[in-house]
C-alpha atoms as a PDB file:
ATOM      1  CA  MET A   1    -167.814-116.036  60.312  1.00  0.00           C
ATOM      2  CA  LYS A   2    -167.362-119.272  62.261  1.00  0.00           C
ATOM      3  CA  ILE A   3    -170.283-120.737  64.148  1.00  0.00           C
ATOM      4  CA  SER A   4    -169.798-122.983  67.157  1.00  0.00           C
ATOM      5  CA  VAL A   5    -172.635-125.215  68.310  1.00  0.00           C
ATOM      6  CA  VAL A   6    -172.145-126.646  71.807  1.00  0.00           C
ATOM      7  CA  VAL A   7    -174.149-129.785  72.584  1.00  0.00           C
ATOM      8  CA  PRO A   8    -174.018-131.302  76.081  1.00  0.00           C
ATOM      9  CA  VAL A   9    -174.845-135.000  75.828  1.00  0.00           C
ATOM     10  CA  TYR A  10    -175.549-137.921  78.131  1.00  0.00           C
ATOM     11  CA  ASN A  11    -177.017-141.226  76.922  1.00  0.00           C
ATOM     12  CA  GLU A  12    -178.010-139.851  73.508  1.00  0.00           C
ATOM     13  CA  GLU A  13    -176.940-142.803  71.362  1.00  0.00           C
ATOM     14  CA  VAL A  14    -180.256-142.943  69.487  1.00  0.00           C
ATOM     15  CA  SER A  15    -180.683-139.225  68.807  1.00  0.00           C
ATOM     16  CA  ILE A  16    -177.139-138.180  67.811  1.00  0.00           C
ATOM     17  CA  GLU A  17    -177.338-138.997  64.087  1.00  0.00           C
ATOM     18  CA  PRO A  18    -180.764-137.428  63.412  1.00  0.00           C
ATOM     19  CA  PHE A  19    -179.651-134.331  65.330  1.00  0.00           C
ATOM     20  CA  LEU A  20    -176.413-134.093  63.344  1.00  0.00           C
ATOM     21  CA  ASP A  21    -178.142-134.589  60.000  1.00  0.00           C
ATOM     22  CA  ARG A  22    -180.526-131.698  60.651  1.00  0.00           C
ATOM     23  CA  THR A  23    -177.910-129.431  62.256  1.00  0.00           C
ATOM     24  CA  ILE A  24    -175.273-129.920  59.552  1.00  0.00           C
ATOM     25  CA  ASN A  25    -177.866-129.303  56.851  1.00  0.00           C
ATOM     26  CA  VAL A  26    -178.810-125.951  58.420  1.00  0.00           C
ATOM     27  CA  LEU A  27    -175.208-124.925  59.145  1.00  0.00           C
ATOM     28  CA  ASN A  28    -174.122-125.675  55.560  1.00  0.00           C
ATOM     29  CA  GLN A  29    -176.805-123.257  54.344  1.00  0.00           C
ATOM     30  CA  ILE A  30    -175.319-120.533  56.549  1.00  0.00           C
ATOM     31  CA  THR A  31    -171.566-121.101  56.340  1.00  0.00           C
ATOM     32  CA  SER A  32    -168.920-123.743  55.760  1.00  0.00           C
ATOM     33  CA  GLU A  33    -167.043-122.405  58.789  1.00  0.00           C
ATOM     34  CA  TYR A  34    -168.605-124.214  61.723  1.00  0.00           C
ATOM     35  CA  GLU A  35    -167.844-126.629  64.508  1.00  0.00           C
ATOM     36  CA  ILE A  36    -170.144-128.857  66.499  1.00  0.00           C
ATOM     37  CA  ILE A  37    -168.744-129.528  69.947  1.00  0.00           C
ATOM     38  CA  PHE A  38    -170.222-132.434  71.869  1.00  0.00           C
ATOM     39  CA  SER A  39    -169.516-132.115  75.568  1.00  0.00           C
ATOM     40  CA  LEU A  40    -169.997-135.642  76.848  1.00  0.00           C
ATOM     41  CA  ASP A  41    -170.798-136.596  80.403  1.00  0.00           C
ATOM     42  CA  PRO A  42    -169.683-140.255  80.586  1.00  0.00           C
ATOM     43  CA  SER A  43    -172.661-142.255  79.326  1.00  0.00           C
ATOM     44  CA  THR A  44    -173.849-145.750  80.081  1.00  0.00           C
ATOM     45  CA  ASP A  45    -174.807-146.387  76.451  1.00  0.00           C
ATOM     46  CA  LYS A  46    -172.737-146.198  73.247  1.00  0.00           C
ATOM     47  CA  THR A  47    -172.945-142.415  72.840  1.00  0.00           C
ATOM     48  CA  GLU A  48    -169.171-141.942  73.023  1.00  0.00           C
ATOM     49  CA  GLU A  49    -168.436-144.689  70.480  1.00  0.00           C
ATOM     50  CA  LYS A  50    -171.004-143.275  68.078  1.00  0.00           C
ATOM     51  CA  LEU A  51    -169.581-139.752  68.439  1.00  0.00           C
ATOM     52  CA  ILE A  52    -166.017-140.950  67.819  1.00  0.00           C
ATOM     53  CA  ASN A  53    -167.178-142.706  64.664  1.00  0.00           C
ATOM     54  CA  LEU A  54    -169.036-139.620  63.439  1.00  0.00           C
ATOM     55  CA  ALA A  55    -166.127-137.298  64.253  1.00  0.00           C
ATOM     56  CA  SER A  56    -163.758-139.508  62.262  1.00  0.00           C
ATOM     57  CA  ARG A  57    -165.912-138.797  59.178  1.00  0.00           C
ATOM     58  CA  ASN A  58    -166.428-135.061  59.744  1.00  0.00           C
ATOM     59  CA  GLN A  59    -163.610-132.763  60.844  1.00  0.00           C
ATOM     60  CA  ASN A  60    -166.122-130.159  62.063  1.00  0.00           C
ATOM     61  CA  ILE A  61    -167.264-132.455  64.886  1.00  0.00           C
ATOM     62  CA  LYS A  62    -165.320-132.168  68.129  1.00  0.00           C
ATOM     63  CA  ILE A  63    -165.731-134.154  71.339  1.00  0.00           C
ATOM     64  CA  ILE A  64    -164.952-133.236  74.923  1.00  0.00           C
ATOM     65  CA  THR A  65    -165.279-136.168  77.310  1.00  0.00           C
ATOM     66  CA  LEU A  66    -165.618-135.103  80.912  1.00  0.00           C
ATOM     67  CA  SER A  67    -163.857-137.158  83.588  1.00  0.00           C
ATOM     68  CA  ARG A  68    -167.106-137.807  85.477  1.00  0.00           C
ATOM     69  CA  ARG A  69    -170.747-136.727  85.432  1.00  0.00           C
ATOM     70  CA  PHE A  70    -170.749-132.987  85.994  1.00  0.00           C
ATOM     71  CA  GLY A  71    -174.216-132.295  84.583  1.00  0.00           C
ATOM     72  CA  GLN A  72    -175.577-130.173  81.772  1.00  0.00           C
ATOM     73  CA  PRO A  73    -174.493-126.689  82.971  1.00  0.00           C
ATOM     74  CA  ALA A  74    -170.849-127.690  83.497  1.00  0.00           C
ATOM     75  CA  ALA A  75    -170.790-129.630  80.220  1.00  0.00           C
ATOM     76  CA  THR A  76    -172.131-126.580  78.373  1.00  0.00           C
ATOM     77  CA  ILE A  77    -169.536-124.265  79.934  1.00  0.00           C
ATOM     78  CA  ALA A  78    -166.739-126.710  79.043  1.00  0.00           C
ATOM     79  CA  GLY A  79    -167.916-126.697  75.431  1.00  0.00           C
ATOM     80  CA  ILE A  80    -168.119-122.909  75.300  1.00  0.00           C
ATOM     81  CA  ASN A  81    -164.609-122.627  76.722  1.00  0.00           C
ATOM     82  CA  TYR A  82    -163.348-125.016  74.029  1.00  0.00           C
ATOM     83  CA  SER A  83    -165.141-123.304  71.140  1.00  0.00           C
ATOM     84  CA  SER A  84    -163.412-121.088  68.594  1.00  0.00           C
ATOM     85  CA  GLY A  85    -166.421-119.539  66.865  1.00  0.00           C
END
């Protein structure tokens, strides 16, 4: 069973790593088949850079960068459409 976690983000530079640490810990207890999809509204902080760095170290992390600010509902739908779990 593959689990997909869709996370819409905007200006979350500070909270990304603590969130990932907790989420990955829980997912690893359930299954090794998971993906975490960050659906990124273009941020004014370093959220995108941080996510790219984290994704380069973990193949289960995926990033969708939206072309402009669409808001949380559209970002969530984009992530769901991209998910495979």
